Amino acid sequence: MALGFLKKDGEDSEDNEMIEDEFVELDAEVSEREKKVVVRAETLKEFDDVENVQEHLRNEHIVWVNIKPLKNRDMSKLKRAVKRLKKTVKAVDGDVAGVDEDWVVVTPSYAKIERTSEKINGE
């Protein structure tokens, strides 16, 4: 069967109609890259707050975690919470880094934390 666009105008209009009838319109889907990245800020006040951070990480959100309240309250619970976060990060093939004494950032697999300070544009 010859395609209608190869024929001169007026020839075999039935073929042209058949091609148009076979055309199916599809809804445009948003690709993974076109989605906006979600960055969350969470605070660990209690050990149980780590579950909320884990859930955000499993949902592929980048999470900044303020650990100061739990650090001031109970250092052993903070260590347990950070250990638990590290296991979740490993399970989702993500990344984790301490930003300063009071903040930790955790990322899912699509994001990498750059640990060296490079100058932009040679500045």
PDB file of N, CA and C in Angstrom:
ATOM      1  N   MET A   1       0.853  -1.175   0.000  1.00  0.00           N
ATOM      2  CA  MET A   1       0.000   0.000   0.000  1.00  0.00           C
ATOM      3  C   MET A   1       0.892   1.230   0.000  1.00  0.00           C
ATOM      4  N   ALA A   2       0.691   2.132  -0.939  1.00  0.00           N
ATOM      5  CA  ALA A   2       1.464   3.370  -1.024  1.00  0.00           C
ATOM      6  C   ALA A   2       0.903   4.372  -0.036  1.00  0.00           C
ATOM      7  N   LEU A   3       1.788   5.132   0.561  1.00  0.00           N
ATOM      8  CA  LEU A   3       1.348   6.155   1.500  1.00  0.00           C
ATOM      9  C   LEU A   3       0.787   7.341   0.745  1.00  0.00           C
ATOM     10  N   GLY A   4      -0.256   7.951   1.304  1.00  0.00           N
ATOM     11  CA  GLY A   4      -0.972   9.033   0.646  1.00  0.00           C
ATOM     12  C   GLY A   4      -0.121  10.248   0.352  1.00  0.00           C
ATOM     13  N   PHE A   5       0.882  10.521   1.143  1.00  0.00           N
ATOM     14  CA  PHE A   5       1.671  11.728   0.904  1.00  0.00           C
ATOM     15  C   PHE A   5       2.596  11.584  -0.294  1.00  0.00           C
ATOM     16  N   LEU A   6       2.742  10.359  -0.834  1.00  0.00           N
ATOM     17  CA  LEU A   6       3.570  10.162  -2.013  1.00  0.00           C
ATOM     18  C   LEU A   6       2.785  10.358  -3.308  1.00  0.00           C
ATOM     19  N   LYS A   7       1.480  10.435  -3.220  1.00  0.00           N
ATOM     20  CA  LYS A   7       0.639  10.582  -4.406  1.00  0.00           C
ATOM     21  C   LYS A   7       0.319  12.041  -4.661  1.00  0.00           C
ATOM     22  N   LYS A   8      -0.024  12.320  -5.907  1.00  0.00           N
ATOM     23  CA  LYS A   8      -0.409  13.675  -6.281  1.00  0.00           C
ATOM     24  C   LYS A   8      -1.787  13.974  -5.719  1.00  0.00           C
ATOM     25  N   ASP A   9      -2.098  15.252  -5.553  1.00  0.00           N
ATOM     26  CA  ASP A   9      -3.404  15.662  -5.048  1.00  0.00           C
ATOM     27  C   ASP A   9      -4.511  15.080  -5.907  1.00  0.00           C
ATOM     28  N   GLY A  10      -5.548  14.573  -5.260  1.00  0.00           N
ATOM     29  CA  GLY A  10      -6.710  14.062  -5.974  1.00  0.00           C
ATOM     30  C   GLY A  10      -6.643  12.583  -6.283  1.00  0.00           C
ATOM     31  N   GLU A  11      -5.500  11.949  -6.193  1.00  0.00           N
ATOM     32  CA  GLU A  11      -5.385  10.533  -6.490  1.00  0.00           C
ATOM     33  C   GLU A  11      -5.706   9.703  -5.246  1.00  0.00           C
ATOM     34  N   ASP A  12      -6.524   8.703  -5.414  1.00  0.00           N
ATOM     35  CA  ASP A  12      -6.851   7.745  -4.358  1.00  0.00           C
ATOM     36  C   ASP A  12      -7.150   8.402  -3.018  1.00  0.00           C
ATOM     37  N   SER A  13      -8.197   9.170  -2.985  1.00  0.00           N
ATOM     38  CA  SER A  13      -8.571   9.834  -1.738  1.00  0.00           C
ATOM     39  C   SER A  13      -8.990   8.815  -0.678  1.00  0.00           C
ATOM     40  N   GLU A  14      -9.395   7.602  -1.109  1.00  0.00           N
ATOM     41  CA  GLU A  14      -9.761   6.565  -0.147  1.00  0.00           C
ATOM     42  C   GLU A  14      -8.564   6.158   0.702  1.00  0.00           C
ATOM     43  N   ASP A  15      -7.389   6.049   0.078  1.00  0.00           N
ATOM     44  CA  ASP A  15      -6.180   5.692   0.824  1.00  0.00           C
ATOM     45  C   ASP A  15      -5.859   6.764   1.859  1.00  0.00           C
ATOM     46  N   ASN A  16      -6.013   8.032   1.467  1.00  0.00           N
ATOM     47  CA  ASN A  16      -5.741   9.130   2.399  1.00  0.00           C
ATOM     48  C   ASN A  16      -6.683   9.070   3.596  1.00  0.00           C
ATOM     49  N   GLU A  17      -7.964   8.799   3.333  1.00  0.00           N
ATOM     50  CA  GLU A  17      -8.931   8.720   4.422  1.00  0.00           C
ATOM     51  C   GLU A  17      -8.616   7.556   5.352  1.00  0.00           C
ATOM     52  N   MET A  18      -8.167   6.430   4.774  1.00  0.00           N
ATOM     53  CA  MET A  18      -7.850   5.271   5.586  1.00  0.00           C
ATOM     54  C   MET A  18      -6.657   5.567   6.507  1.00  0.00           C
ATOM     55  N   ILE A  19      -5.667   6.251   5.987  1.00  0.00           N
ATOM     56  CA  ILE A  19      -4.505   6.597   6.803  1.00  0.00           C
ATOM     57  C   ILE A  19      -4.920   7.522   7.931  1.00  0.00           C
ATOM     58  N   GLU A  20      -5.772   8.496   7.637  1.00  0.00           N
ATOM     59  CA  GLU A  20      -6.238   9.412   8.671  1.00  0.00           C
ATOM     60  C   GLU A  20      -7.053   8.678   9.726  1.00  0.00           C
ATOM     61  N   ASP A  21      -7.848   7.685   9.304  1.00  0.00           N
ATOM     62  CA  ASP A  21      -8.652   6.921  10.255  1.00  0.00           C
ATOM     63  C   ASP A  21      -7.783   6.061  11.169  1.00  0.00           C
ATOM     64  N   GLU A  22      -6.630   5.625  10.701  1.00  0.00           N
ATOM     65  CA  GLU A  22      -5.752   4.776  11.491  1.00  0.00           C
ATOM     66  C   GLU A  22      -4.927   5.573  12.499  1.00  0.00           C
ATOM     67  N   PHE A  23      -4.915   6.869  12.378  1.00  0.00           N
ATOM     68  CA  PHE A  23      -4.122   7.717  13.269  1.00  0.00           C
ATOM     69  C   PHE A  23      -4.737   7.725  14.663  1.00  0.00           C
ATOM     70  N   VAL A  24      -3.929   7.467  15.672  1.00  0.00           N
ATOM     71  CA  VAL A  24      -4.395   7.449  17.054  1.00  0.00           C
ATOM     72  C   VAL A  24      -3.684   8.556  17.804  1.00  0.00           C
ATOM     73  N   GLU A  25      -4.461   9.397  18.465  1.00  0.00           N
ATOM     74  CA  GLU A  25      -3.877  10.479  19.252  1.00  0.00           C
ATOM     75  C   GLU A  25      -3.574   9.977  20.651  1.00  0.00           C
ATOM     76  N   LEU A  26      -2.378  10.258  21.126  1.00  0.00           N
ATOM     77  CA  LEU A  26      -1.974   9.851  22.469  1.00  0.00           C
ATOM     78  C   LEU A  26      -1.793  11.078  23.334  1.00  0.00           C
ATOM     79  N   ASP A  27      -2.130  10.936  24.593  1.00  0.00           N
ATOM     80  CA  ASP A  27      -1.889  12.026  25.533  1.00  0.00           C
ATOM     81  C   ASP A  27      -0.391  12.144  25.770  1.00  0.00           C
ATOM     82  N   ALA A  28       0.081  13.365  25.830  1.00  0.00           N
ATOM     83  CA  ALA A  28       1.496  13.584  26.112  1.00  0.00           C
ATOM     84  C   ALA A  28       1.747  13.282  27.580  1.00  0.00           C
ATOM     85  N   GLU A  29       2.716  12.413  27.828  1.00  0.00           N
ATOM     86  CA  GLU A  29       3.061  12.074  29.201  1.00  0.00           C
ATOM     87  C   GLU A  29       4.297  12.859  29.606  1.00  0.00           C
ATOM     88  N   VAL A  30       4.345  13.248  30.852  1.00  0.00           N
ATOM     89  CA  VAL A  30       5.504  13.959  31.365  1.00  0.00           C
ATOM     90  C   VAL A  30       6.585  12.934  31.647  1.00  0.00           C
ATOM     91  N   SER A  31       7.752  13.138  31.060  1.00  0.00           N
ATOM     92  CA  SER A  31       8.842  12.202  31.294  1.00  0.00           C
ATOM     93  C   SER A  31       9.434  12.428  32.678  1.00  0.00           C
ATOM     94  N   GLU A  32      10.217  11.468  33.140  1.00  0.00           N
ATOM     95  CA  GLU A  32      10.830  11.557  34.468  1.00  0.00           C
ATOM     96  C   GLU A  32      11.707  12.801  34.583  1.00  0.00           C
ATOM     97  N   ARG A  33      12.399  13.165  33.543  1.00  0.00           N
ATOM     98  CA  ARG A  33      13.301  14.318  33.580  1.00  0.00           C
ATOM     99  C   ARG A  33      12.554  15.645  33.664  1.00  0.00           C
ATOM    100  N   GLU A  34      11.305  15.677  33.175  1.00  0.00           N
ATOM    101  CA  GLU A  34      10.556  16.923  33.169  1.00  0.00           C
ATOM    102  C   GLU A  34       9.861  17.202  34.499  1.00  0.00           C
ATOM    103  N   LYS A  35       9.832  16.228  35.396  1.00  0.00           N
ATOM    104  CA  LYS A  35       9.234  16.447  36.707  1.00  0.00           C
ATOM    105  C   LYS A  35      10.133  17.370  37.511  1.00  0.00           C
ATOM    106  N   LYS A  36       9.527  18.160  38.366  1.00  0.00           N
ATOM    107  CA  LYS A  36      10.319  19.021  39.234  1.00  0.00           C
ATOM    108  C   LYS A  36      10.874  18.200  40.389  1.00  0.00           C
ATOM    109  N   VAL A  37      12.076  18.528  40.783  1.00  0.00           N
ATOM    110  CA  VAL A  37      12.718  17.858  41.907  1.00  0.00           C
ATOM    111  C   VAL A  37      12.142  18.415  43.204  1.00  0.00           C
ATOM    112  N   VAL A  38      11.797  17.528  44.114  1.00  0.00           N
ATOM    113  CA  VAL A  38      11.252  17.943  45.404  1.00  0.00           C
ATOM    114  C   VAL A  38      12.375  17.929  46.434  1.00  0.00           C
ATOM    115  N   VAL A  39      12.552  19.058  47.103  1.00  0.00           N
ATOM    116  CA  VAL A  39      13.528  19.178  48.181  1.00  0.00           C
ATOM    117  C   VAL A  39      12.753  19.479  49.455  1.00  0.00           C
ATOM    118  N   ARG A  40      12.925  18.638  50.461  1.00  0.00           N
ATOM    119  CA  ARG A  40      12.196  18.773  51.715  1.00  0.00           C
ATOM    120  C   ARG A  40      13.154  19.196  52.826  1.00  0.00           C
ATOM    121  N   ALA A  41      12.624  19.821  53.843  1.00  0.00           N
ATOM    122  CA  ALA A  41      13.374  20.127  55.063  1.00  0.00           C
ATOM    123  C   ALA A  41      12.628  19.480  56.219  1.00  0.00           C
ATOM    124  N   GLU A  42      13.318  18.640  56.963  1.00  0.00           N
ATOM    125  CA  GLU A  42      12.716  17.943  58.096  1.00  0.00           C
ATOM    126  C   GLU A  42      13.577  18.161  59.329  1.00  0.00           C
ATOM    127  N   THR A  43      12.971  18.013  60.492  1.00  0.00           N
ATOM    128  CA  THR A  43      13.676  18.169  61.761  1.00  0.00           C
ATOM    129  C   THR A  43      13.528  16.898  62.579  1.00  0.00           C
ATOM    130  N   LEU A  44      14.646  16.421  63.109  1.00  0.00           N
ATOM    131  CA  LEU A  44      14.610  15.266  64.004  1.00  0.00           C
ATOM    132  C   LEU A  44      14.521  15.766  65.439  1.00  0.00           C
ATOM    133  N   LYS A  45      13.312  15.714  65.981  1.00  0.00           N
ATOM    134  CA  LYS A  45      13.111  16.081  67.387  1.00  0.00           C
ATOM    135  C   LYS A  45      13.109  14.831  68.256  1.00  0.00           C
ATOM    136  N   GLU A  46      12.604  13.751  67.686  1.00  0.00           N
ATOM    137  CA  GLU A  46      12.530  12.443  68.348  1.00  0.00           C
ATOM    138  C   GLU A  46      13.099  11.401  67.389  1.00  0.00           C
ATOM    139  N   PHE A  47      13.467  10.250  67.923  1.00  0.00           N
ATOM    140  CA  PHE A  47      13.979   9.171  67.082  1.00  0.00           C
ATOM    141  C   PHE A  47      12.959   8.770  66.018  1.00  0.00           C
ATOM    142  N   ASP A  48      11.691   8.752  66.366  1.00  0.00           N
ATOM    143  CA  ASP A  48      10.639   8.325  65.430  1.00  0.00           C
ATOM    144  C   ASP A  48      10.492   9.249  64.222  1.00  0.00           C
ATOM    145  N   ASP A  49      11.008  10.463  64.304  1.00  0.00           N
ATOM    146  CA  ASP A  49      10.932  11.400  63.176  1.00  0.00           C
ATOM    147  C   ASP A  49      11.736  10.911  61.973  1.00  0.00           C
ATOM    148  N   VAL A  50      12.654   9.977  62.204  1.00  0.00           N
ATOM    149  CA  VAL A  50      13.469   9.457  61.111  1.00  0.00           C
ATOM    150  C   VAL A  50      12.603   8.713  60.086  1.00  0.00           C
ATOM    151  N   GLU A  51      11.483   8.145  60.519  1.00  0.00           N
ATOM    152  CA  GLU A  51      10.592   7.431  59.598  1.00  0.00           C
ATOM    153  C   GLU A  51      10.039   8.364  58.525  1.00  0.00           C
ATOM    154  N   ASN A  52       9.723   9.584  58.899  1.00  0.00           N
ATOM    155  CA  ASN A  52       9.223  10.571  57.945  1.00  0.00           C
ATOM    156  C   ASN A  52      10.286  10.885  56.889  1.00  0.00           C
ATOM    157  N   VAL A  53      11.522  11.038  57.333  1.00  0.00           N
ATOM    158  CA  VAL A  53      12.631  11.311  56.408  1.00  0.00           C
ATOM    159  C   VAL A  53      12.821  10.123  55.471  1.00  0.00           C
ATOM    160  N   GLN A  54      12.764   8.919  56.007  1.00  0.00           N
ATOM    161  CA  GLN A  54      12.913   7.719  55.180  1.00  0.00           C
ATOM    162  C   GLN A  54      11.827   7.649  54.106  1.00  0.00           C
ATOM    163  N   GLU A  55      10.612   7.978  54.473  1.00  0.00           N
ATOM    164  CA  GLU A  55       9.505   7.934  53.513  1.00  0.00           C
ATOM    165  C   GLU A  55       9.724   8.940  52.378  1.00  0.00           C
ATOM    166  N   HIS A  56      10.170  10.136  52.719  1.00  0.00           N
ATOM    167  CA  HIS A  56      10.462  11.132  51.677  1.00  0.00           C
ATOM    168  C   HIS A  56      11.575  10.638  50.760  1.00  0.00           C
ATOM    169  N   LEU A  57      12.574  10.022  51.331  1.00  0.00           N
ATOM    170  CA  LEU A  57      13.683   9.497  50.538  1.00  0.00           C
ATOM    171  C   LEU A  57      13.204   8.385  49.607  1.00  0.00           C
ATOM    172  N   ARG A  58      12.355   7.512  50.096  1.00  0.00           N
ATOM    173  CA  ARG A  58      11.800   6.439  49.248  1.00  0.00           C
ATOM    174  C   ARG A  58      10.932   7.009  48.127  1.00  0.00           C
ATOM    175  N   ASN A  59      10.341   8.174  48.362  1.00  0.00           N
ATOM    176  CA  ASN A  59       9.539   8.849  47.331  1.00  0.00           C
ATOM    177  C   ASN A  59      10.395   9.725  46.426  1.00  0.00           C
ATOM    178  N   GLU A  60      11.705   9.536  46.490  1.00  0.00           N
ATOM    179  CA  GLU A  60      12.692  10.213  45.643  1.00  0.00           C
ATOM    180  C   GLU A  60      12.762  11.712  45.874  1.00  0.00           C
ATOM    181  N   HIS A  61      12.601  12.129  47.114  1.00  0.00           N
ATOM    182  CA  HIS A  61      12.781  13.531  47.476  1.00  0.00           C
ATOM    183  C   HIS A  61      14.167  13.711  48.082  1.00  0.00           C
ATOM    184  N   ILE A  62      14.767  14.850  47.821  1.00  0.00           N
ATOM    185  CA  ILE A  62      15.997  15.231  48.510  1.00  0.00           C
ATOM    186  C   ILE A  62      15.568  15.826  49.843  1.00  0.00           C
ATOM    187  N   VAL A  63      16.240  15.425  50.928  1.00  0.00           N
ATOM    188  CA  VAL A  63      15.809  15.874  52.251  1.00  0.00           C
ATOM    189  C   VAL A  63      16.978  16.488  53.015  1.00  0.00           C
ATOM    190  N   TRP A  64      16.784  17.726  53.449  1.00  0.00           N
ATOM    191  CA  TRP A  64      17.694  18.387  54.385  1.00  0.00           C
ATOM    192  C   TRP A  64      17.153  18.096  55.775  1.00  0.00           C
ATOM    193  N   VAL A  65      17.991  17.540  56.628  1.00  0.00           N
ATOM    194  CA  VAL A  65      17.545  17.108  57.951  1.00  0.00           C
ATOM    195  C   VAL A  65      18.267  17.912  59.029  1.00  0.00           C
ATOM    196  N   ASN A  66      17.484  18.638  59.813  1.00  0.00           N
ATOM    197  CA  ASN A  66      18.024  19.376  60.955  1.00  0.00           C
ATOM    198  C   ASN A  66      18.110  18.396  62.124  1.00  0.00           C
ATOM    199  N   ILE A  67      19.331  18.074  62.544  1.00  0.00           N
ATOM    200  CA  ILE A  67      19.526  17.078  63.600  1.00  0.00           C
ATOM    201  C   ILE A  67      19.776  17.714  64.968  1.00  0.00           C
ATOM    202  N   LYS A  68      19.837  19.035  65.022  1.00  0.00           N
ATOM    203  CA  LYS A  68      20.193  19.724  66.266  1.00  0.00           C
ATOM    204  C   LYS A  68      19.271  19.397  67.451  1.00  0.00           C
ATOM    205  N   PRO A  69      17.937  19.425  67.290  1.00  0.00           N
ATOM    206  CA  PRO A  69      17.078  19.134  68.447  1.00  0.00           C
ATOM    207  C   PRO A  69      17.328  17.746  69.058  1.00  0.00           C
ATOM    208  N   LEU A  70      17.488  16.727  68.210  1.00  0.00           N
ATOM    209  CA  LEU A  70      17.736  15.382  68.728  1.00  0.00           C
ATOM    210  C   LEU A  70      19.148  15.272  69.300  1.00  0.00           C
ATOM    211  N   LYS A  71      20.092  15.957  68.681  1.00  0.00           N
ATOM    212  CA  LYS A  71      21.474  15.950  69.189  1.00  0.00           C
ATOM    213  C   LYS A  71      21.528  16.554  70.587  1.00  0.00           C
ATOM    214  N   ASN A  72      20.797  17.632  70.801  1.00  0.00           N
ATOM    215  CA  ASN A  72      20.779  18.283  72.112  1.00  0.00           C
ATOM    216  C   ASN A  72      20.040  17.450  73.158  1.00  0.00           C
ATOM    217  N   ARG A  73      19.094  16.648  72.718  1.00  0.00           N
ATOM    218  CA  ARG A  73      18.277  15.866  73.643  1.00  0.00           C
ATOM    219  C   ARG A  73      18.931  14.531  74.009  1.00  0.00           C
ATOM    220  N   ASP A  74      19.368  13.766  72.976  1.00  0.00           N
ATOM    221  CA  ASP A  74      19.877  12.417  73.240  1.00  0.00           C
ATOM    222  C   ASP A  74      20.814  11.990  72.110  1.00  0.00           C
ATOM    223  N   MET A  75      22.115  12.056  72.366  1.00  0.00           N
ATOM    224  CA  MET A  75      23.112  11.754  71.342  1.00  0.00           C
ATOM    225  C   MET A  75      23.042  10.290  70.883  1.00  0.00           C
ATOM    226  N   SER A  76      22.727   9.367  71.769  1.00  0.00           N
ATOM    227  CA  SER A  76      22.651   7.953  71.368  1.00  0.00           C
ATOM    228  C   SER A  76      21.482   7.721  70.399  1.00  0.00           C
ATOM    229  N   LYS A  77      20.363   8.400  70.620  1.00  0.00           N
ATOM    230  CA  LYS A  77      19.226   8.287  69.691  1.00  0.00           C
ATOM    231  C   LYS A  77      19.568   8.919  68.343  1.00  0.00           C
ATOM    232  N   LEU A  78      20.330  10.004  68.369  1.00  0.00           N
ATOM    233  CA  LEU A  78      20.759  10.627  67.114  1.00  0.00           C
ATOM    234  C   LEU A  78      21.628   9.659  66.321  1.00  0.00           C
ATOM    235  N   LYS A  79      22.569   9.003  66.982  1.00  0.00           N
ATOM    236  CA  LYS A  79      23.437   8.041  66.291  1.00  0.00           C
ATOM    237  C   LYS A  79      22.612   6.912  65.683  1.00  0.00           C
ATOM    238  N   ARG A  80      21.620   6.419  66.416  1.00  0.00           N
ATOM    239  CA  ARG A  80      20.739   5.374  65.884  1.00  0.00           C
ATOM    240  C   ARG A  80      19.954   5.883  64.675  1.00  0.00           C
ATOM    241  N   ALA A  81      19.474   7.123  64.757  1.00  0.00           N
ATOM    242  CA  ALA A  81      18.696   7.704  63.655  1.00  0.00           C
ATOM    243  C   ALA A  81      19.557   7.862  62.406  1.00  0.00           C
ATOM    244  N   VAL A  82      20.779   8.345  62.579  1.00  0.00           N
ATOM    245  CA  VAL A  82      21.679   8.526  61.434  1.00  0.00           C
ATOM    246  C   VAL A  82      22.049   7.171  60.835  1.00  0.00           C
ATOM    247  N   LYS A  83      22.279   6.176  61.678  1.00  0.00           N
ATOM    248  CA  LYS A  83      22.585   4.827  61.185  1.00  0.00           C
ATOM    249  C   LYS A  83      21.413   4.286  60.361  1.00  0.00           C
ATOM    250  N   ARG A  84      20.218   4.516  60.837  1.00  0.00           N
ATOM    251  CA  ARG A  84      19.014   4.071  60.126  1.00  0.00           C
ATOM    252  C   ARG A  84      18.872   4.795  58.786  1.00  0.00           C
ATOM    253  N   LEU A  85      19.140   6.097  58.774  1.00  0.00           N
ATOM    254  CA  LEU A  85      19.097   6.859  57.521  1.00  0.00           C
ATOM    255  C   LEU A  85      20.123   6.333  56.525  1.00  0.00           C
ATOM    256  N   LYS A  86      21.326   6.035  57.008  1.00  0.00           N
ATOM    257  CA  LYS A  86      22.374   5.517  56.124  1.00  0.00           C
ATOM    258  C   LYS A  86      21.951   4.203  55.479  1.00  0.00           C
ATOM    259  N   LYS A  87      21.289   3.336  56.237  1.00  0.00           N
ATOM    260  CA  LYS A  87      20.809   2.067  55.675  1.00  0.00           C
ATOM    261  C   LYS A  87      19.770   2.311  54.586  1.00  0.00           C
ATOM    262  N   THR A  88      18.878   3.261  54.813  1.00  0.00           N
ATOM    263  CA  THR A  88      17.859   3.578  53.809  1.00  0.00           C
ATOM    264  C   THR A  88      18.502   4.178  52.567  1.00  0.00           C
ATOM    265  N   VAL A  89      19.467   5.063  52.768  1.00  0.00           N
ATOM    266  CA  VAL A  89      20.184   5.666  51.636  1.00  0.00           C
ATOM    267  C   VAL A  89      20.857   4.577  50.807  1.00  0.00           C
ATOM    268  N   LYS A  90      21.486   3.627  51.470  1.00  0.00           N
ATOM    269  CA  LYS A  90      22.141   2.526  50.760  1.00  0.00           C
ATOM    270  C   LYS A  90      21.115   1.693  49.994  1.00  0.00           C
ATOM    271  N   ALA A  91      19.964   1.442  50.602  1.00  0.00           N
ATOM    272  CA  ALA A  91      18.920   0.633  49.963  1.00  0.00           C
ATOM    273  C   ALA A  91      18.370   1.288  48.703  1.00  0.00           C
ATOM    274  N   VAL A  92      18.293   2.618  48.685  1.00  0.00           N
ATOM    275  CA  VAL A  92      17.761   3.314  47.505  1.00  0.00           C
ATOM    276  C   VAL A  92      18.878   3.773  46.573  1.00  0.00           C
ATOM    277  N   ASP A  93      20.115   3.369  46.879  1.00  0.00           N
ATOM    278  CA  ASP A  93      21.292   3.745  46.090  1.00  0.00           C
ATOM    279  C   ASP A  93      21.456   5.260  46.032  1.00  0.00           C
ATOM    280  N   GLY A  94      21.249   5.893  47.175  1.00  0.00           N
ATOM    281  CA  GLY A  94      21.332   7.348  47.260  1.00  0.00           C
ATOM    282  C   GLY A  94      22.656   7.821  47.830  1.00  0.00           C
ATOM    283  N   ASP A  95      22.629   8.989  48.443  1.00  0.00           N
ATOM    284  CA  ASP A  95      23.831   9.603  48.994  1.00  0.00           C
ATOM    285  C   ASP A  95      23.462  10.343  50.274  1.00  0.00           C
ATOM    286  N   VAL A  96      24.425  10.471  51.185  1.00  0.00           N
ATOM    287  CA  VAL A  96      24.208  11.170  52.447  1.00  0.00           C
ATOM    288  C   VAL A  96      25.480  11.927  52.796  1.00  0.00           C
ATOM    289  N   ALA A  97      25.304  13.122  53.357  1.00  0.00           N
ATOM    290  CA  ALA A  97      26.461  13.909  53.783  1.00  0.00           C
ATOM    291  C   ALA A  97      26.059  14.845  54.908  1.00  0.00           C
ATOM    292  N   GLY A  98      26.981  15.042  55.833  1.00  0.00           N
ATOM    293  CA  GLY A  98      26.789  16.045  56.865  1.00  0.00           C
ATOM    294  C   GLY A  98      27.195  17.394  56.310  1.00  0.00           C
ATOM    295  N   VAL A  99      26.357  18.386  56.494  1.00  0.00           N
ATOM    296  CA  VAL A  99      26.645  19.714  55.957  1.00  0.00           C
ATOM    297  C   VAL A  99      27.405  20.538  56.990  1.00  0.00           C
ATOM    298  N   ASP A 100      26.969  20.480  58.215  1.00  0.00           N
ATOM    299  CA  ASP A 100      27.705  21.054  59.341  1.00  0.00           C
ATOM    300  C   ASP A 100      27.313  20.244  60.570  1.00  0.00           C
ATOM    301  N   GLU A 101      27.496  20.775  61.732  1.00  0.00           N
ATOM    302  CA  GLU A 101      27.186  20.014  62.943  1.00  0.00           C
ATOM    303  C   GLU A 101      25.695  19.770  63.136  1.00  0.00           C
ATOM    304  N   ASP A 102      24.867  20.572  62.496  1.00  0.00           N
ATOM    305  CA  ASP A 102      23.427  20.502  62.750  1.00  0.00           C
ATOM    306  C   ASP A 102      22.585  20.020  61.574  1.00  0.00           C
ATOM    307  N   TRP A 103      23.178  19.788  60.415  1.00  0.00           N
ATOM    308  CA  TRP A 103      22.403  19.417  59.232  1.00  0.00           C
ATOM    309  C   TRP A 103      23.022  18.224  58.514  1.00  0.00           C
ATOM    310  N   VAL A 104      22.143  17.362  57.995  1.00  0.00           N
ATOM    311  CA  VAL A 104      22.512  16.237  57.146  1.00  0.00           C
ATOM    312  C   VAL A 104      21.621  16.332  55.914  1.00  0.00           C
ATOM    313  N   VAL A 105      22.177  16.017  54.752  1.00  0.00           N
ATOM    314  CA  VAL A 105      21.360  15.979  53.540  1.00  0.00           C
ATOM    315  C   VAL A 105      21.388  14.551  53.001  1.00  0.00           C
ATOM    316  N   VAL A 106      20.206  14.046  52.621  1.00  0.00           N
ATOM    317  CA  VAL A 106      20.094  12.712  52.033  1.00  0.00           C
ATOM    318  C   VAL A 106      19.434  12.849  50.665  1.00  0.00           C
ATOM    319  N   THR A 107      19.937  12.068  49.711  1.00  0.00           N
ATOM    320  CA  THR A 107      19.420  12.157  48.346  1.00  0.00           C
ATOM    321  C   THR A 107      19.083  10.770  47.814  1.00  0.00           C
ATOM    322  N   PRO A 108      18.113  10.679  46.910  1.00  0.00           N
ATOM    323  CA  PRO A 108      17.821   9.410  46.240  1.00  0.00           C
ATOM    324  C   PRO A 108      18.865   9.137  45.154  1.00  0.00           C
ATOM    325  N   SER A 109      18.662   8.086  44.399  1.00  0.00           N
ATOM    326  CA  SER A 109      19.670   7.625  43.439  1.00  0.00           C
ATOM    327  C   SER A 109      19.978   8.611  42.315  1.00  0.00           C
ATOM    328  N   TYR A 110      19.043   9.467  41.939  1.00  0.00           N
ATOM    329  CA  TYR A 110      19.283  10.358  40.805  1.00  0.00           C
ATOM    330  C   TYR A 110      20.155  11.562  41.152  1.00  0.00           C
ATOM    331  N   ALA A 111      20.466  11.766  42.434  1.00  0.00           N
ATOM    332  CA  ALA A 111      21.259  12.932  42.843  1.00  0.00           C
ATOM    333  C   ALA A 111      22.534  12.478  43.549  1.00  0.00           C
ATOM    334  N   LYS A 112      23.605  13.189  43.289  1.00  0.00           N
ATOM    335  CA  LYS A 112      24.892  12.903  43.918  1.00  0.00           C
ATOM    336  C   LYS A 112      25.328  14.149  44.669  1.00  0.00           C
ATOM    337  N   ILE A 113      25.882  13.954  45.852  1.00  0.00           N
ATOM    338  CA  ILE A 113      26.386  15.075  46.638  1.00  0.00           C
ATOM    339  C   ILE A 113      27.857  15.266  46.296  1.00  0.00           C
ATOM    340  N   GLU A 114      28.197  16.433  45.803  1.00  0.00           N
ATOM    341  CA  GLU A 114      29.589  16.751  45.470  1.00  0.00           C
ATOM    342  C   GLU A 114      30.284  17.191  46.746  1.00  0.00           C
ATOM    343  N   ARG A 115      31.363  16.512  47.080  1.00  0.00           N
ATOM    344  CA  ARG A 115      32.030  16.775  48.348  1.00  0.00           C
ATOM    345  C   ARG A 115      33.252  17.675  48.240  1.00  0.00           C
ATOM    346  N   THR A 116      33.672  17.998  47.057  1.00  0.00           N
ATOM    347  CA  THR A 116      34.800  18.918  46.897  1.00  0.00           C
ATOM    348  C   THR A 116      34.274  20.289  46.535  1.00  0.00           C
ATOM    349  N   SER A 117      34.977  21.303  46.957  1.00  0.00           N
ATOM    350  CA  SER A 117      34.531  22.663  46.636  1.00  0.00           C
ATOM    351  C   SER A 117      35.290  23.152  45.409  1.00  0.00           C
ATOM    352  N   GLU A 118      34.626  23.078  44.264  1.00  0.00           N
ATOM    353  CA  GLU A 118      35.205  23.558  43.016  1.00  0.00           C
ATOM    354  C   GLU A 118      34.681  24.948  42.731  1.00  0.00           C
ATOM    355  N   LYS A 119      35.556  25.777  42.194  1.00  0.00           N
ATOM    356  CA  LYS A 119      35.134  27.124  41.831  1.00  0.00           C
ATOM    357  C   LYS A 119      34.471  27.082  40.466  1.00  0.00           C
ATOM    358  N   ILE A 120      33.424  27.870  40.320  1.00  0.00           N
ATOM    359  CA  ILE A 120      32.696  27.936  39.059  1.00  0.00           C
ATOM    360  C   ILE A 120      33.371  28.956  38.157  1.00  0.00           C
ATOM    361  N   ASN A 121      33.544  28.600  36.875  1.00  0.00           N
ATOM    362  CA  ASN A 121      34.152  29.480  35.873  1.00  0.00           C
ATOM    363  C   ASN A 121      35.545  29.942  36.276  1.00  0.00           C
ATOM    364  N   GLY A 122      36.286  29.105  36.945  1.00  0.00           N
ATOM    365  CA  GLY A 122      37.669  29.416  37.279  1.00  0.00           C
ATOM    366  C   GLY A 122      37.846  30.561  38.253  1.00  0.00           C
ATOM    367  N   GLU A 123      36.806  30.950  38.954  1.00  0.00           N
ATOM    368  CA  GLU A 123      36.907  32.063  39.902  1.00  0.00           C
ATOM    369  C   GLU A 123      37.653  31.659  41.141  1.00  0.00           C
TER     370      GLU A 123
END
